[in-house]
Amino acid sequence: MLPVKILLLGSGELAKEFVISAKRIGCYVVAVDSYSGAPAHQVSDEFETLDMLNEKALRSVVYKHNPNIIVPEIEAIRTELLVEFEQQGIQVVPSGRAVNYTMNRDHIRNLASRDLGIKTAEFDYAESAQESREIASRMGYPVVVKPVMSSSGKGQSVVYEASEMGKGWDYACSGMRGDRERVIIEKFIDFDYEITLLTVRQKDEDTLYCQPIGHRQENGDYRESWQPAPMDASLLKQAQYIAEQITSNLGGYGIFGVEFFVRKGEVIFSELSPRPHDTGMVTLVSQNLNEFDLHLRAVLGLPIPAIEFYGPSASAVVLADRYSESLSYTGISEALSVSGVDVMLFGKLASRPLRRMGVCLARADTIERARQNAYNASQSIDIVYH
C-alpha cells in the first residue's frame, strides 16, 4: 500500500536518483548522510545528518522516523543493527542478511568462494602492511590491495613489488569506510574485460537481468560505462547463473550490481553491491526503466512487465581536480549540442581531487559513437573553482 515512508541511509548521487524515482509514485523519503546538503537531501521530504556507524545515533533516527522501509546506499553503516530492525518488522533492502554480508568484502567473498564454490581471484586478508607483504609474496606479484569496506574504488591499488606494499597498505587504509582496518589482497587478473550485471530480485516473479554493462576504471573507480557490453551468449548465461546463485542465497528484493571479470572464455566473480551501481547510471538513457526505478519496484513488490532496451548507450564522469567549497560549471551548452547527449550534475556542494561531480550520458547507433559522444561531452564541461 502506498504511500510508504523510506529511510535512506546514504545520500549521494545514486541515492538522489532513487529518491526521484520514489517521489514519482508518492513515497515519503527521509535521507540520511554524514553532512548536510548531500545530493539526496536536496530532493527528499526530510533529511538527517549523522554518523551511521554510531549505534546510538542510528538507532535514534530509526525510532524517530519509524519508517516502513530502510534502504542502505553506502557501506559505512552499523549493519548488525539493520538485522535487529528487520526482526522488529521494518523491511530492510534487500534484506538484513544481504546488507550485513555485502557491506564487507570479506563476508561476500567468503560466501561466494568458500560456501558456494564460485570462481574468484585468489585472495586472502591482512591486518598490517607486513602481513600484506607475506600474503603477496606467497601469491606472487602483482596483487590488488583494497579495504574490506569502501565504496567506488576508494583505497584500491595494484601493487607490483614488495617495496610498494607499504604505500599500498597506507592507501587502502586512507580509503576505508567504517572502523575495520583490514584489507583484501587479491591476485591480479589480466582480464579481457569486466562487466556489471544488474540483477533484479522480485518477490513473486523471476529474477530479471539488464543488458550487461561494460566499464573502464582508473584506480578502482569507474570513469565510463557502456551498454550493452559485447559478450558471448554462453558467457552471459554463466554470469546470470552465478548472479542468481549469490543473490538467491543472500535473499531479499531489489537490484544487485554484480561485477565480473571475463578472461579466456570464463567468467570470474569480482564484487557485489546490494543496490544501484555507479556504472548503471547509463540506464538513465538506455532503458524504459532505469536501475533506480527497477530497485524501487522490486523493493515495493510492484510489477516490472518488461525491461525495454533502447540501444547503444554510454556514460562518462565529470571529475573535480582540487578542493573547493564554492564552484560553478561552464561548457554545458557545448556538451548538450550533440543529439542524444544528456548531462547530470549531482549538486555536490564541495569538490576534492577525483571526486565525481556529474556524469554525461549518450545514446547513439553504435557503442563506439555513444562512448565517444559521452566522453566528449564530459570533457566539454569545466568546473570553475571560486
Protein backbone atom coordinates (compact mmCIF):
# COMPACT_ATOMS: atom_id res chain seq x y z
CA MET A 1 0.00 0.00 0.00
CA LEU A 2 1.28 3.47 -0.88
CA PRO A 3 2.46 5.85 0.36
CA VAL A 4 5.27 4.33 2.41
CA LYS A 5 7.98 6.02 4.45
CA ILE A 6 11.51 5.19 3.35
CA LEU A 7 14.61 5.89 5.46
CA LEU A 8 17.52 6.21 3.04
CA LEU A 9 20.94 5.60 4.61
CA GLY A 10 23.40 7.48 2.41
CA SER A 11 22.54 10.45 0.22
CA GLY A 12 24.96 10.52 -2.70
CA GLU A 13 24.18 10.82 -6.39
CA LEU A 14 22.76 7.30 -6.66
CA ALA A 15 20.53 7.94 -3.67
CA LYS A 16 19.33 11.17 -5.26
CA GLU A 17 18.09 9.32 -8.35
CA PHE A 18 16.42 6.71 -6.15
CA VAL A 19 14.59 9.47 -4.26
CA ILE A 20 13.39 10.93 -7.57
CA SER A 21 12.00 7.53 -8.58
CA ALA A 22 10.35 7.10 -5.17
CA LYS A 23 8.79 10.56 -5.19
CA ARG A 24 7.22 9.94 -8.60
CA ILE A 25 4.92 7.34 -7.04
CA GLY A 26 4.23 9.16 -3.81
CA CYS A 27 6.70 7.68 -1.31
CA TYR A 28 7.83 9.78 1.66
CA VAL A 29 11.63 9.78 1.92
CA VAL A 30 13.94 10.75 4.78
CA ALA A 31 17.54 10.93 3.52
CA VAL A 32 20.45 10.46 5.92
CA ASP A 33 24.11 11.33 5.41
CA SER A 34 27.17 12.45 7.34
CA TYR A 35 26.96 16.02 6.02
CA SER A 36 24.15 18.46 5.25
CA GLY A 37 23.24 19.35 1.69
CA ALA A 38 24.16 15.96 0.21
CA PRO A 39 22.60 15.29 -3.22
CA ALA A 40 19.63 13.27 -1.93
CA HIS A 41 18.99 15.84 0.83
CA GLN A 42 18.10 18.26 -1.95
CA VAL A 43 15.11 16.22 -3.19
CA SER A 44 13.89 14.30 -0.10
CA ASP A 45 10.97 15.18 2.18
CA GLU A 46 13.22 15.36 5.24
CA PHE A 47 16.90 14.80 5.92
CA GLU A 48 19.13 13.94 8.86
CA THR A 49 22.86 14.38 9.39
CA LEU A 50 24.68 11.79 11.50
CA ASP A 51 27.43 9.16 11.66
CA MET A 52 25.71 5.92 10.63
CA LEU A 53 28.44 3.85 12.29
CA ASN A 54 27.33 5.35 15.62
CA GLU A 55 24.91 2.80 17.05
CA LYS A 56 23.13 5.26 19.32
CA ALA A 57 22.65 7.86 16.54
CA LEU A 58 21.43 5.30 14.02
CA ARG A 59 19.02 3.71 16.48
CA SER A 60 17.71 7.14 17.41
CA VAL A 61 16.97 8.23 13.84
CA VAL A 62 15.15 4.96 13.09
CA TYR A 63 12.95 5.29 16.18
CA LYS A 64 12.34 8.97 15.44
CA HIS A 65 11.02 8.41 11.92
CA ASN A 66 9.62 4.88 12.28
CA PRO A 67 9.99 4.02 8.57
CA ASN A 68 8.31 1.17 6.74
CA ILE A 69 11.47 0.52 4.75
CA ILE A 70 15.20 1.13 5.31
CA VAL A 71 17.25 1.45 2.12
CA PRO A 72 21.06 1.48 2.61
CA GLU A 73 23.08 3.32 -0.05
CA ILE A 74 26.57 3.30 1.48
CA GLU A 75 28.86 0.84 3.26
CA ALA A 76 29.65 2.80 6.43
CA ILE A 77 26.61 1.68 8.43
CA ARG A 78 26.31 -0.29 11.66
CA THR A 79 24.82 -3.14 9.64
CA GLU A 80 24.14 -5.51 12.53
CA LEU A 81 21.51 -3.02 13.70
CA LEU A 82 19.67 -3.43 10.42
CA VAL A 83 19.16 -7.11 11.17
CA GLU A 84 17.67 -6.09 14.51
CA PHE A 85 15.32 -3.56 12.87
CA GLU A 86 14.24 -6.22 10.38
CA GLN A 87 13.31 -8.52 13.25
CA GLN A 88 11.15 -5.69 14.60
CA GLY A 89 9.14 -5.63 11.37
CA ILE A 90 10.90 -2.94 9.32
CA GLN A 91 11.71 -4.03 5.77
CA VAL A 92 15.46 -3.75 5.12
CA VAL A 93 16.59 -3.61 1.49
CA PRO A 94 17.36 -6.05 0.06
CA SER A 95 17.44 -7.88 3.43
CA GLY A 96 19.25 -7.52 6.73
CA ARG A 97 21.39 -10.53 5.97
CA ALA A 98 22.26 -9.36 2.48
CA VAL A 99 23.31 -5.93 3.72
CA ASN A 100 25.39 -7.40 6.52
CA TYR A 101 27.23 -9.64 4.06
CA THR A 102 27.72 -7.28 1.15
CA MET A 103 28.81 -4.20 3.06
CA ASN A 104 32.01 -6.12 3.84
CA ARG A 105 34.17 -7.53 1.03
CA ASP A 106 35.48 -10.36 3.20
CA HIS A 107 31.99 -11.63 4.03
CA ILE A 108 30.71 -11.67 0.45
CA ARG A 109 33.97 -13.09 -0.90
CA ASN A 110 33.89 -15.90 1.64
CA LEU A 111 30.26 -16.65 0.75
CA ALA A 112 30.96 -16.77 -2.98
CA SER A 113 34.24 -18.67 -2.94
CA ARG A 114 34.17 -20.85 0.14
CA ASP A 115 30.45 -21.50 0.65
CA LEU A 116 29.09 -21.50 -2.91
CA GLY A 117 32.22 -22.66 -4.76
CA ILE A 118 32.12 -19.78 -7.26
CA LYS A 119 35.34 -18.94 -9.08
CA THR A 120 37.04 -15.75 -7.87
CA ALA A 121 40.54 -14.36 -7.97
CA GLU A 122 42.91 -15.93 -5.43
CA PHE A 123 42.63 -13.84 -2.24
CA ASP A 124 43.48 -13.50 1.43
CA TYR A 125 43.10 -10.91 4.18
CA ALA A 126 45.65 -8.82 6.03
CA GLU A 127 45.58 -6.53 9.05
CA SER A 128 49.03 -4.96 8.71
CA ALA A 129 51.48 -3.93 5.99
CA GLN A 130 53.81 -6.78 6.98
CA GLU A 131 51.04 -9.37 6.76
CA SER A 132 50.15 -7.92 3.34
CA ARG A 133 53.74 -8.44 2.14
CA GLU A 134 53.74 -12.05 3.35
CA ILE A 135 50.49 -12.85 1.55
CA ALA A 136 51.57 -11.11 -1.67
CA SER A 137 54.92 -12.91 -1.66
CA ARG A 138 53.12 -16.23 -1.37
CA MET A 139 50.66 -15.33 -4.18
CA GLY A 140 53.18 -13.65 -6.43
CA TYR A 141 53.04 -10.07 -7.66
CA PRO A 142 51.21 -8.10 -8.93
CA VAL A 143 48.34 -8.03 -6.46
CA VAL A 144 45.34 -5.79 -5.88
CA VAL A 145 45.06 -4.27 -2.40
CA LYS A 146 41.71 -2.85 -1.25
CA PRO A 147 39.88 -2.21 2.02
CA VAL A 148 37.27 -4.74 3.04
CA MET A 149 34.86 -1.82 3.46
CA SER A 150 34.93 1.05 0.97
CA SER A 151 32.98 2.47 -1.95
CA SER A 152 33.62 3.45 -5.58
CA GLY A 153 37.12 2.01 -5.60
CA LYS A 154 38.41 4.19 -2.76
CA GLY A 155 41.66 2.84 -1.35
CA GLN A 156 42.18 0.31 -4.15
CA SER A 157 45.54 -0.04 -5.92
CA VAL A 158 47.68 -2.53 -7.80
CA VAL A 159 50.98 -3.35 -6.09
CA TYR A 160 53.73 -4.69 -8.35
CA GLU A 161 56.53 -5.45 -5.88
CA ALA A 162 57.21 -5.81 -2.16
CA SER A 163 58.78 -2.36 -1.86
CA GLU A 164 55.44 -0.78 -2.86
CA MET A 165 53.32 -2.65 -0.32
CA GLY A 166 53.70 -0.09 2.45
CA LYS A 167 52.29 2.56 0.14
CA GLY A 168 49.51 0.20 -0.96
CA TRP A 169 48.59 -0.56 2.66
CA ASP A 170 48.52 3.15 3.60
CA TYR A 171 46.40 4.00 0.57
CA ALA A 172 43.92 1.22 1.43
CA CYS A 173 43.65 2.48 5.00
CA SER A 174 43.06 6.04 3.75
CA GLY A 175 40.09 4.81 1.69
CA MET A 176 38.48 2.67 4.36
CA ARG A 177 34.89 3.34 5.32
CA GLY A 178 33.97 2.19 8.74
CA ASP A 179 36.19 1.10 11.59
CA ARG A 180 37.73 -2.12 10.29
CA GLU A 181 41.45 -1.78 9.49
CA ARG A 182 41.59 -4.83 7.26
CA VAL A 183 42.40 -5.27 3.57
CA ILE A 184 41.84 -7.93 0.97
CA ILE A 185 44.89 -9.00 -1.05
CA GLU A 186 43.82 -10.31 -4.43
CA LYS A 187 45.91 -11.91 -7.15
CA PHE A 188 45.81 -9.58 -10.15
CA ILE A 189 43.77 -10.99 -13.04
CA ASP A 190 44.79 -9.99 -16.54
CA PHE A 191 41.18 -9.98 -17.75
CA ASP A 192 39.88 -9.36 -21.25
CA TYR A 193 37.12 -7.09 -20.00
CA GLU A 194 34.86 -6.56 -16.97
CA ILE A 195 31.12 -6.11 -16.68
CA THR A 196 28.38 -5.17 -14.26
CA LEU A 197 25.29 -7.36 -14.45
CA LEU A 198 22.34 -5.54 -12.89
CA THR A 199 20.28 -8.31 -11.30
CA VAL A 200 16.72 -7.64 -10.11
CA ARG A 201 15.24 -9.96 -7.48
CA GLN A 202 11.45 -9.81 -7.28
CA LYS A 203 9.14 -11.08 -4.58
CA ASP A 204 6.80 -13.26 -6.64
CA GLU A 205 8.38 -13.26 -10.10
CA ASP A 206 11.55 -14.49 -11.78
CA THR A 207 14.86 -12.68 -11.37
CA LEU A 208 15.47 -10.19 -14.18
CA TYR A 209 18.73 -9.04 -15.76
CA CYS A 210 19.60 -5.85 -17.58
CA GLN A 211 21.86 -5.95 -20.62
CA PRO A 212 25.48 -6.34 -19.41
CA ILE A 213 27.32 -3.09 -18.79
CA GLY A 214 30.96 -2.69 -19.74
CA HIS A 215 33.08 -0.22 -17.83
CA ARG A 216 36.53 1.31 -17.59
CA GLN A 217 38.13 2.06 -14.23
CA GLU A 218 41.10 4.05 -13.02
CA ASN A 219 42.47 3.34 -9.55
CA GLY A 220 39.47 1.11 -8.94
CA ASP A 221 36.93 3.86 -9.65
CA TYR A 222 34.66 3.96 -12.67
CA ARG A 223 35.32 6.55 -15.36
CA GLU A 224 32.97 5.44 -18.13
CA SER A 225 30.44 2.69 -18.81
CA TRP A 226 28.55 1.42 -21.83
CA GLN A 227 25.62 -0.85 -22.53
CA PRO A 228 25.43 -3.44 -23.90
CA ALA A 229 28.89 -4.85 -23.33
CA PRO A 230 29.65 -7.09 -26.34
CA MET A 231 29.64 -10.57 -24.81
CA ASP A 232 29.30 -14.16 -25.98
CA ALA A 233 25.86 -15.56 -25.16
CA SER A 234 27.29 -18.56 -23.31
CA LEU A 235 29.41 -16.30 -21.08
CA LEU A 236 26.40 -14.12 -20.34
CA LYS A 237 24.45 -17.20 -19.27
CA GLN A 238 27.34 -18.13 -16.96
CA ALA A 239 27.26 -14.66 -15.40
CA GLN A 240 23.48 -14.80 -14.95
CA TYR A 241 23.71 -18.22 -13.32
CA ILE A 242 26.36 -17.03 -10.84
CA ALA A 243 24.39 -13.86 -10.08
CA GLU A 244 21.30 -15.95 -9.41
CA GLN A 245 23.25 -18.26 -7.08
CA ILE A 246 24.63 -15.44 -4.95
CA THR A 247 21.57 -13.21 -4.81
CA SER A 248 19.25 -16.14 -4.05
CA ASN A 249 21.50 -17.09 -1.15
CA LEU A 250 21.50 -13.54 0.18
CA GLY A 251 17.75 -13.19 -0.19
CA GLY A 252 15.54 -10.13 -0.19
CA TYR A 253 14.30 -7.97 -3.04
CA GLY A 254 15.82 -5.18 -5.10
CA ILE A 255 18.60 -4.62 -7.58
CA PHE A 256 22.12 -6.01 -7.16
CA GLY A 257 25.13 -4.77 -9.09
CA VAL A 258 27.14 -7.96 -9.69
CA GLU A 259 30.61 -7.42 -11.15
CA PHE A 260 32.58 -9.97 -13.17
CA PHE A 261 35.93 -10.31 -14.88
CA VAL A 262 35.83 -12.12 -18.21
CA ARG A 263 39.00 -13.90 -19.34
CA LYS A 264 39.67 -16.52 -21.99
CA GLY A 265 36.13 -17.86 -22.13
CA GLU A 266 35.47 -17.90 -18.38
CA VAL A 267 33.53 -15.65 -16.01
CA ILE A 268 35.11 -14.77 -12.65
CA PHE A 269 33.11 -13.20 -9.83
CA SER A 270 34.56 -9.92 -8.54
CA GLU A 271 32.21 -7.82 -6.37
CA LEU A 272 28.56 -7.34 -5.47
CA SER A 273 26.60 -4.25 -4.35
CA PRO A 274 23.07 -4.70 -2.93
CA ARG A 275 21.77 -1.53 -4.56
CA PRO A 276 22.00 0.52 -7.78
CA HIS A 277 25.52 0.64 -9.18
CA ASP A 278 27.52 3.67 -10.32
CA THR A 279 28.26 2.08 -13.71
CA GLY A 280 24.50 1.58 -14.05
CA MET A 281 23.83 5.31 -14.38
CA VAL A 282 23.94 4.59 -18.12
CA THR A 283 20.46 3.05 -17.69
CA LEU A 284 19.09 6.58 -17.26
CA VAL A 285 19.18 6.81 -21.07
CA SER A 286 19.39 3.18 -22.19
CA GLN A 287 16.18 1.66 -20.77
CA ASN A 288 12.49 2.38 -20.21
CA LEU A 289 13.04 1.60 -16.51
CA ASN A 290 16.38 2.76 -15.16
CA GLU A 291 18.17 0.95 -12.34
CA PHE A 292 16.57 3.22 -9.71
CA ASP A 293 13.05 2.55 -10.99
CA LEU A 294 13.78 -1.17 -11.04
CA HIS A 295 15.17 -1.10 -7.50
CA LEU A 296 12.11 0.74 -6.21
CA ARG A 297 9.60 -1.53 -7.95
CA ALA A 298 11.31 -4.66 -6.69
CA VAL A 299 11.50 -3.26 -3.14
CA LEU A 300 7.81 -2.34 -3.13
CA GLY A 301 6.68 -5.51 -4.89
CA LEU A 302 5.36 -3.57 -7.89
CA PRO A 303 5.14 -5.14 -11.37
CA ILE A 304 8.02 -5.00 -13.84
CA PRO A 305 6.29 -6.11 -17.06
CA ALA A 306 9.39 -5.72 -19.24
CA ILE A 307 12.79 -4.02 -19.36
CA GLU A 308 12.95 -2.38 -22.76
CA PHE A 309 16.44 -1.62 -24.02
CA TYR A 310 16.62 1.41 -26.29
CA GLY A 311 20.02 0.84 -27.92
CA PRO A 312 23.77 1.51 -27.57
CA SER A 313 24.38 3.92 -24.68
CA ALA A 314 27.27 5.21 -22.60
CA SER A 315 28.23 7.34 -19.63
CA ALA A 316 31.36 9.34 -18.77
CA VAL A 317 32.05 11.06 -15.47
CA VAL A 318 32.82 14.71 -14.74
CA LEU A 319 35.68 14.86 -12.22
CA ALA A 320 36.97 17.59 -9.94
CA ASP A 321 40.71 18.13 -9.65
CA ARG A 322 41.00 20.17 -6.44
CA TYR A 323 39.39 21.11 -3.15
CA SER A 324 36.78 23.87 -3.18
CA GLU A 325 33.61 24.81 -1.34
CA SER A 326 32.47 27.29 -3.99
CA LEU A 327 32.15 26.21 -7.59
CA SER A 328 30.17 26.56 -10.80
CA TYR A 329 30.17 24.95 -14.25
CA THR A 330 30.75 26.06 -17.82
CA GLY A 331 30.54 24.18 -21.11
CA ILE A 332 27.09 22.71 -20.53
CA SER A 333 25.74 24.18 -23.78
CA GLU A 334 28.60 22.62 -25.73
CA ALA A 335 28.02 19.25 -24.05
CA LEU A 336 24.32 19.30 -24.92
CA SER A 337 24.86 20.35 -28.53
CA VAL A 338 25.13 16.74 -29.75
CA SER A 339 21.91 14.81 -30.36
CA GLY A 340 21.34 12.01 -27.84
CA VAL A 341 23.54 13.56 -25.14
CA ASP A 342 22.34 14.49 -21.65
CA VAL A 343 24.15 16.00 -18.66
CA MET A 344 23.61 15.29 -14.96
CA LEU A 345 25.35 17.44 -12.36
CA PHE A 346 24.96 15.94 -8.92
CA GLY A 347 24.67 19.14 -6.88
CA LYS A 348 27.59 18.37 -4.56
CA LEU A 349 28.44 21.46 -2.57
CA ALA A 350 32.19 20.86 -2.34
CA SER A 351 34.84 19.28 -4.52
CA ARG A 352 38.04 17.37 -3.93
CA PRO A 353 40.55 15.76 -6.30
CA LEU A 354 38.93 13.00 -8.40
CA ARG A 355 35.51 13.45 -6.83
CA ARG A 356 32.64 12.66 -9.21
CA MET A 357 30.65 15.84 -9.70
CA GLY A 358 28.47 14.73 -12.58
CA VAL A 359 28.03 12.37 -15.49
CA CYS A 360 27.38 12.77 -19.20
CA LEU A 361 25.09 10.27 -20.91
CA ALA A 362 24.73 9.46 -24.59
CA ARG A 363 22.71 7.20 -26.85
CA ALA A 364 23.75 6.55 -30.46
CA ASP A 365 23.62 3.95 -33.23
CA THR A 366 26.83 2.21 -32.10
CA ILE A 367 28.60 1.67 -28.80
CA GLU A 368 31.71 3.38 -30.16
CA ARG A 369 29.80 6.53 -31.10
CA ALA A 370 27.87 6.59 -27.82
CA ARG A 371 31.12 6.29 -25.84
CA GLN A 372 32.81 8.99 -27.87
CA ASN A 373 29.87 11.37 -27.51
CA ALA A 374 29.62 10.83 -23.74
CA TYR A 375 33.37 11.32 -23.33
CA ASN A 376 33.44 14.45 -25.48
CA ALA A 377 30.56 15.92 -23.50
CA SER A 378 32.32 15.22 -20.20
CA GLN A 379 35.45 16.96 -21.48
CA SER A 380 33.40 19.98 -22.56
CA ILE A 381 32.29 20.70 -19.00
CA ASP A 382 34.69 22.74 -16.89
CA ILE A 383 34.42 23.18 -13.15
CA VAL A 384 35.10 26.76 -12.10
CA TYR A 385 36.56 26.99 -8.59
CA HIS A 386 35.85 30.26 -6.80
